[in-house]
Amino acid sequence: MRWKIKLSDLESALWKSWSRETSADPTCWGEYNNAWGQCAVTSLVVQDFFGGSIWCLDISKHPNPLISAMRSHYFNSVNFYRTIDTYVEVDLSESQFGPGRHYEVRRYAEPPQEKSREYLLNNKSTKERYASLRIKVSRILSGFEDNLLFEEPIFINCLLLALNSNCQKGQYGCVVRHRGWDFIATTNGISELLKDWSEPVCIRIRNDILSRTESMIGCCDHAEERALDIIRQKGWDPKKCELYVAGFRSNGLIYIKPEPVFTCLRCANQLYRSKIGAIYVPCKERWAKMTTEEAVETAKQFAMQEKVLENYQST
């Protein structure tokens, strides 16, 4: 599934990102034990980067009331080798129980049960804590700890929207500002009519289609396309609309560009034909404004592989 991130780098980023805000037990959380209450959201982030499954231990019968009050503990099972059916247990928040106590905790637990991603994210608090942790971790791994774009509310909103995407490759969020004060927001995701191309794996992954080429082959509605649908439904004048797009690349890292480019010809052409007023893309430490003509011209270069997406990630 994913990708080129080292497990040790992810673990380091998690240690830097865990906080009272991301803990299931903020009252007992402290910097002396920053892994406390982080297991559910950590297991979701590990799955984002390494795939695999999430497992749950019932620890409600543990004799330590502080531990039993947590009720459950989550960890991951990951196949790092891809080609063989060998799964490795990964528990990056086990340190919350203290040195060597993970096995003692298991002694009082029932056998672990597999839990779906949807099960965890169905809890509103878990979903909010996960989103906060995922953005912090991705920001560190992407090398953007000091990037001023993260002070921009629209940029953070795009990232939060992107986390709702069920696309198996890049996840993107789109915010449209109309006349400067009205807003709409959407994300990319699997199209109902094309979902057979996503089962069990996205056709672009299955056929190893190079990113930003063959743009009509895929199973997702793009965030920009969905935004255009909403603009039409609302009866807004496209010329008075400004469109902002940001999100995560297929490697799970945040996509910020080193120069103003628009990489999807399919969307660029539709935005041009709809006469959208302006397009904003994340570039270095700011939003860069582009015309629809500029979007089409740069997207053509990616479609023809004159420019390659892998070279357009800021660091």
Protein backbone atom coordinates (compact mmCIF):
# COMPACT_ATOMS: atom_id res chain seq x y z
CA MET A 1 0.00 0.00 0.00
CA ARG A 2 2.29 2.82 1.26
CA TRP A 3 5.34 3.90 0.97
CA LYS A 4 8.88 5.14 1.38
CA ILE A 5 8.70 6.47 4.94
CA LYS A 6 10.93 4.70 7.47
CA LEU A 7 9.20 3.34 10.56
CA SER A 8 11.89 4.95 12.75
CA ASP A 9 11.17 8.36 11.16
CA LEU A 10 7.44 7.94 11.75
CA GLU A 11 8.05 6.96 15.38
CA SER A 12 10.24 10.04 15.89
CA ALA A 13 7.59 12.30 14.34
CA LEU A 14 4.91 10.78 16.57
CA TRP A 15 6.96 11.44 19.72
CA LYS A 16 7.28 15.07 18.67
CA SER A 17 3.56 15.35 17.80
CA TRP A 18 1.82 13.66 20.73
CA SER A 19 0.24 16.22 23.03
CA ARG A 20 -2.55 16.71 25.53
CA GLU A 21 -4.75 17.63 22.56
CA THR A 22 -4.24 14.23 20.89
CA SER A 23 -4.55 12.09 24.05
CA ALA A 24 -7.72 10.16 24.94
CA ASP A 25 -6.99 11.03 28.59
CA PRO A 26 -5.80 14.65 28.63
CA THR A 27 -6.19 14.90 32.41
CA CYS A 28 -3.52 12.26 33.09
CA TRP A 29 -1.37 13.06 30.07
CA GLY A 30 1.99 14.71 30.71
CA GLU A 31 5.29 15.24 28.94
CA TYR A 32 6.83 12.65 31.27
CA ASN A 33 4.61 10.09 29.47
CA ASN A 34 3.60 11.67 26.17
CA ALA A 35 2.44 8.33 24.72
CA TRP A 36 -0.37 8.18 27.28
CA GLY A 37 -3.78 7.82 25.66
CA GLN A 38 -2.36 7.99 22.13
CA CYS A 39 -2.92 4.38 20.96
CA ALA A 40 -6.08 4.77 18.83
CA VAL A 41 -4.93 7.81 16.88
CA THR A 42 -1.40 6.43 16.57
CA SER A 43 -2.68 3.16 15.08
CA LEU A 44 -4.64 5.15 12.48
CA VAL A 45 -1.55 7.17 11.50
CA VAL A 46 0.59 4.02 11.26
CA GLN A 47 -2.03 2.48 8.98
CA ASP A 48 -1.98 5.62 6.83
CA PHE A 49 1.70 5.15 6.10
CA PHE A 50 2.14 1.38 6.21
CA GLY A 51 -1.27 -0.15 5.61
CA GLY A 52 -2.06 -3.39 7.41
CA SER A 53 -4.73 -3.86 10.08
CA ILE A 54 -5.61 -2.41 13.48
CA TRP A 55 -6.10 -4.62 16.54
CA CYS A 56 -7.67 -3.90 19.92
CA LEU A 57 -6.96 -5.29 23.39
CA ASP A 58 -9.64 -5.14 26.08
CA ILE A 59 -7.68 -3.91 29.12
CA SER A 60 -10.71 -3.08 31.27
CA LYS A 61 -9.86 -5.89 33.75
CA HIS A 62 -6.34 -4.72 34.48
CA PRO A 63 -5.71 -4.40 38.26
CA ASN A 64 -4.24 -0.91 37.86
CA PRO A 65 -7.30 1.40 37.86
CA LEU A 66 -5.48 4.01 35.77
CA ILE A 67 -4.91 1.45 32.99
CA SER A 68 -8.30 -0.27 33.28
CA ALA A 69 -10.01 3.12 32.97
CA MET A 70 -8.62 3.37 29.42
CA ARG A 71 -10.68 0.22 28.58
CA SER A 72 -8.83 -0.60 25.33
CA HIS A 73 -5.43 -0.49 23.68
CA TYR A 74 -4.81 -0.40 19.92
CA PHE A 75 -1.82 -1.54 17.86
CA ASN A 76 -1.03 -2.49 14.25
CA SER A 77 -0.20 -5.54 12.19
CA VAL A 78 1.85 -4.65 9.11
CA ASN A 79 3.25 -6.60 6.17
CA PHE A 80 6.49 -4.74 5.49
CA TYR A 81 7.66 -7.22 2.87
CA ARG A 82 4.60 -6.95 0.57
CA THR A 83 5.49 -10.11 -1.37
CA ILE A 84 5.07 -12.67 1.43
CA ASP A 85 2.30 -13.23 3.93
CA THR A 86 4.34 -12.19 6.95
CA TYR A 87 2.85 -9.63 9.30
CA VAL A 88 4.74 -7.84 12.05
CA GLU A 89 3.15 -6.38 15.16
CA VAL A 90 3.79 -2.64 15.48
CA ASP A 91 2.87 -0.89 18.72
CA LEU A 92 4.33 2.61 18.74
CA SER A 93 2.46 3.76 21.85
CA GLU A 94 3.27 0.80 24.13
CA SER A 95 5.70 2.97 26.11
CA GLN A 96 2.69 4.57 27.84
CA PHE A 97 2.56 1.51 30.14
CA GLY A 98 6.16 1.88 31.25
CA PRO A 99 9.34 -0.12 30.49
CA GLY A 100 8.56 -3.80 29.97
CA ARG A 101 4.96 -3.50 31.18
CA HIS A 102 3.38 -4.03 27.76
CA TYR A 103 3.52 -7.80 28.23
CA GLU A 104 2.18 -7.50 31.76
CA VAL A 105 -0.76 -5.50 30.41
CA ARG A 106 -1.45 -8.26 27.88
CA ARG A 107 -1.55 -10.86 30.64
CA TYR A 108 -4.76 -9.32 31.94
CA ALA A 109 -6.28 -8.68 28.50
CA GLU A 110 -8.64 -10.72 26.36
CA PRO A 111 -7.31 -11.96 22.98
CA PRO A 112 -7.00 -9.03 20.56
CA GLN A 113 -9.76 -8.34 18.05
CA GLU A 114 -9.36 -6.67 14.67
CA LYS A 115 -11.10 -3.29 14.37
CA SER A 116 -11.89 -1.40 11.20
CA ARG A 117 -10.71 2.11 10.49
CA GLU A 118 -14.34 3.16 10.25
CA TYR A 119 -14.99 1.83 13.74
CA LEU A 120 -12.34 4.07 15.27
CA LEU A 121 -13.24 7.15 13.24
CA ASN A 122 -16.92 6.79 14.11
CA ASN A 123 -15.99 8.30 17.47
CA LYS A 124 -16.05 12.10 17.11
CA SER A 125 -13.27 12.71 19.65
CA THR A 126 -11.01 10.08 18.08
CA LYS A 127 -11.60 11.52 14.61
CA GLU A 128 -10.68 15.05 15.73
CA ARG A 129 -7.60 13.87 17.64
CA TYR A 130 -6.50 11.76 14.68
CA ALA A 131 -6.79 14.70 12.26
CA SER A 132 -4.69 16.89 14.55
CA LEU A 133 -2.02 14.20 14.96
CA ARG A 134 -1.94 13.25 11.29
CA ILE A 135 -1.35 16.83 10.17
CA LYS A 136 1.38 17.37 12.79
CA VAL A 137 3.16 14.13 11.86
CA SER A 138 2.90 14.76 8.10
CA ARG A 139 4.16 18.31 8.57
CA ILE A 140 7.31 17.00 10.31
CA LEU A 141 7.91 14.17 7.83
CA SER A 142 7.39 16.57 4.92
CA GLY A 143 10.02 18.96 6.31
CA PHE A 144 7.58 21.84 6.84
CA GLU A 145 7.89 22.44 10.60
CA ASP A 146 8.65 26.15 10.07
CA ASN A 147 6.40 26.70 7.04
CA LEU A 148 4.15 29.74 7.45
CA LEU A 149 1.41 28.20 5.32
CA PHE A 150 0.33 26.24 8.39
CA GLU A 151 -0.80 29.55 9.92
CA GLU A 152 -3.31 29.95 7.06
CA PRO A 153 -6.83 28.77 8.08
CA ILE A 154 -7.80 27.89 4.48
CA PHE A 155 -4.71 25.70 4.10
CA ILE A 156 -5.46 23.78 7.32
CA ASN A 157 -9.10 23.48 6.24
CA CYS A 158 -7.99 21.93 2.94
CA LEU A 159 -5.85 19.39 4.81
CA LEU A 160 -8.69 18.51 7.19
CA LEU A 161 -11.02 18.04 4.23
CA ALA A 162 -8.42 15.88 2.48
CA LEU A 163 -8.37 13.46 5.42
CA ASN A 164 -12.03 12.65 4.64
CA SER A 165 -11.11 11.45 1.14
CA ASN A 166 -11.37 7.74 0.37
CA CYS A 167 -9.02 8.01 -2.62
CA GLN A 168 -6.38 5.27 -2.54
CA LYS A 169 -3.75 7.63 -3.95
CA GLY A 170 -3.56 11.38 -3.24
CA GLN A 171 -6.05 12.98 -0.85
CA TYR A 172 -7.06 16.58 -1.60
CA GLY A 173 -9.37 19.18 -0.16
CA CYS A 174 -10.79 22.18 -1.99
CA VAL A 175 -12.15 25.43 -0.60
CA VAL A 176 -13.93 27.94 -2.84
CA ARG A 177 -14.32 31.55 -1.79
CA HIS A 178 -17.13 33.46 -3.51
CA ARG A 179 -17.06 37.27 -3.49
CA GLY A 180 -14.61 37.06 -0.59
CA TRP A 181 -17.06 35.96 2.11
CA ASP A 182 -19.12 32.91 1.05
CA PHE A 183 -17.33 29.56 1.26
CA ILE A 184 -17.88 26.01 0.07
CA ALA A 185 -15.63 23.03 0.77
CA THR A 186 -15.24 19.55 -0.69
CA THR A 187 -12.74 16.74 -1.24
CA ASN A 188 -11.82 14.19 -3.86
CA GLY A 189 -13.19 10.67 -3.62
CA ILE A 190 -14.33 7.53 -5.39
CA SER A 191 -17.08 8.10 -7.97
CA GLU A 192 -20.20 5.97 -7.63
CA LEU A 193 -20.18 5.08 -11.33
CA LEU A 194 -16.47 4.21 -11.32
CA LYS A 195 -16.16 2.38 -8.01
CA ASP A 196 -15.68 -0.95 -9.81
CA TRP A 197 -12.30 0.47 -10.87
CA SER A 198 -11.37 0.84 -7.18
CA GLU A 199 -12.00 -2.76 -6.16
CA PRO A 200 -9.95 -4.15 -4.61
CA VAL A 201 -7.26 -1.66 -5.62
CA CYS A 202 -7.45 1.59 -7.60
CA ILE A 203 -6.97 0.97 -11.32
CA ARG A 204 -4.18 3.57 -11.43
CA ILE A 205 -2.23 1.67 -8.76
CA ARG A 206 -3.07 -1.69 -10.30
CA ASN A 207 -1.88 -0.62 -13.77
CA ASP A 208 1.06 1.45 -12.44
CA ILE A 209 -0.14 4.61 -14.24
CA LEU A 210 2.28 7.50 -13.73
CA SER A 211 0.81 10.35 -11.68
CA ARG A 212 -0.65 13.23 -13.71
CA THR A 213 -0.73 11.21 -16.93
CA GLU A 214 -3.74 9.44 -18.48
CA SER A 215 -5.96 11.70 -16.37
CA MET A 216 -9.23 10.21 -17.64
CA ILE A 217 -8.32 6.76 -16.28
CA GLY A 218 -9.21 6.60 -12.62
CA CYS A 219 -12.06 6.01 -10.20
CA CYS A 220 -12.16 9.34 -8.34
CA ASP A 221 -14.05 12.58 -8.73
CA HIS A 222 -11.46 15.28 -8.17
CA ALA A 223 -12.03 17.90 -5.48
CA GLU A 224 -12.06 20.67 -8.11
CA GLU A 225 -14.72 18.85 -10.13
CA ARG A 226 -16.94 18.46 -7.10
CA ALA A 227 -16.43 22.15 -6.29
CA LEU A 228 -17.58 23.11 -9.79
CA ASP A 229 -20.74 21.02 -9.27
CA ILE A 230 -21.54 22.91 -6.06
CA ILE A 231 -20.85 26.28 -7.69
CA ARG A 232 -23.35 25.43 -10.43
CA GLN A 233 -25.92 24.22 -7.90
CA LYS A 234 -25.63 27.45 -5.92
CA GLY A 235 -25.87 29.55 -9.06
CA TRP A 236 -22.66 31.41 -8.24
CA ASP A 237 -20.82 33.37 -10.91
CA PRO A 238 -17.59 31.35 -11.50
CA LYS A 239 -15.73 34.54 -12.41
CA LYS A 240 -16.25 35.71 -8.83
CA CYS A 241 -14.99 32.45 -7.32
CA GLU A 242 -11.47 31.75 -6.04
CA LEU A 243 -10.48 28.10 -5.70
CA TYR A 244 -7.90 26.79 -3.19
CA VAL A 245 -6.58 23.20 -3.35
CA ALA A 246 -4.19 21.38 -1.02
CA GLY A 247 -3.70 17.91 0.39
CA PHE A 248 -1.54 14.82 0.67
CA ARG A 249 0.42 13.03 -2.03
CA SER A 250 0.31 9.27 -2.53
CA ASN A 251 3.22 8.87 -0.10
CA GLY A 252 1.14 10.46 2.67
CA LEU A 253 3.20 13.66 2.77
CA ILE A 254 1.78 17.15 2.47
CA TYR A 255 2.01 18.59 -1.04
CA ILE A 256 3.56 22.06 -1.16
CA LYS A 257 5.06 23.10 -4.49
CA PRO A 258 8.41 24.84 -5.07
CA GLU A 259 6.88 27.03 -7.81
CA PRO A 260 3.34 27.89 -9.00
CA VAL A 261 2.15 24.93 -11.07
CA PHE A 262 -1.14 23.13 -11.55
CA THR A 263 -0.58 19.46 -12.25
CA CYS A 264 -3.93 18.01 -13.34
CA LEU A 265 -4.88 18.71 -16.95
CA ARG A 266 -8.33 17.17 -16.51
CA CYS A 267 -9.28 19.70 -13.81
CA ALA A 268 -7.36 22.63 -15.29
CA ASN A 269 -9.30 22.44 -18.55
CA GLN A 270 -12.65 22.29 -16.73
CA LEU A 271 -11.72 25.28 -14.56
CA TYR A 272 -10.71 27.19 -17.69
CA ARG A 273 -13.97 26.35 -19.49
CA SER A 274 -15.98 27.33 -16.40
CA LYS A 275 -14.14 30.68 -16.24
CA ILE A 276 -13.12 30.36 -12.58
CA GLY A 277 -11.79 33.70 -11.36
CA ALA A 278 -8.54 32.43 -9.82
CA ILE A 279 -6.79 29.29 -8.62
CA TYR A 280 -4.55 29.23 -5.55
CA VAL A 281 -1.94 26.52 -5.01
CA PRO A 282 0.36 26.03 -1.98
CA CYS A 283 3.80 27.24 -3.01
CA LYS A 284 6.75 27.48 -0.63
CA GLU A 285 5.35 29.49 2.31
CA ARG A 286 2.29 31.08 0.70
CA TRP A 287 -0.68 30.58 -1.56
CA ALA A 288 0.33 31.31 -5.16
CA LYS A 289 -2.35 32.78 -7.42
CA MET A 290 -2.74 31.35 -10.93
CA THR A 291 -5.04 32.09 -13.85
CA THR A 292 -6.89 29.19 -15.45
CA GLU A 293 -4.77 29.71 -18.59
CA GLU A 294 -1.60 29.27 -16.51
CA ALA A 295 -3.11 26.18 -14.89
CA VAL A 296 -3.74 24.57 -18.27
CA GLU A 297 -0.29 25.40 -19.62
CA THR A 298 1.56 23.94 -16.64
CA ALA A 299 -0.73 20.89 -16.45
CA LYS A 300 0.01 20.11 -20.10
CA GLN A 301 3.68 19.79 -19.22
CA PHE A 302 2.92 17.20 -16.55
CA ALA A 303 0.55 15.30 -18.85
CA MET A 304 3.33 15.03 -21.46
CA GLN A 305 5.93 14.18 -18.77
CA GLU A 306 7.95 17.28 -19.61
CA LYS A 307 7.66 17.87 -15.86
CA VAL A 308 7.50 15.02 -13.33
CA LEU A 309 5.43 15.26 -10.18
CA GLU A 310 8.17 13.80 -7.97
CA ASN A 311 10.32 16.86 -8.72
CA TYR A 312 7.60 19.27 -7.57
CA GLN A 313 7.55 18.66 -3.85
CA SER A 314 9.04 21.43 -1.72
CA THR A 315 11.48 20.40 0.98
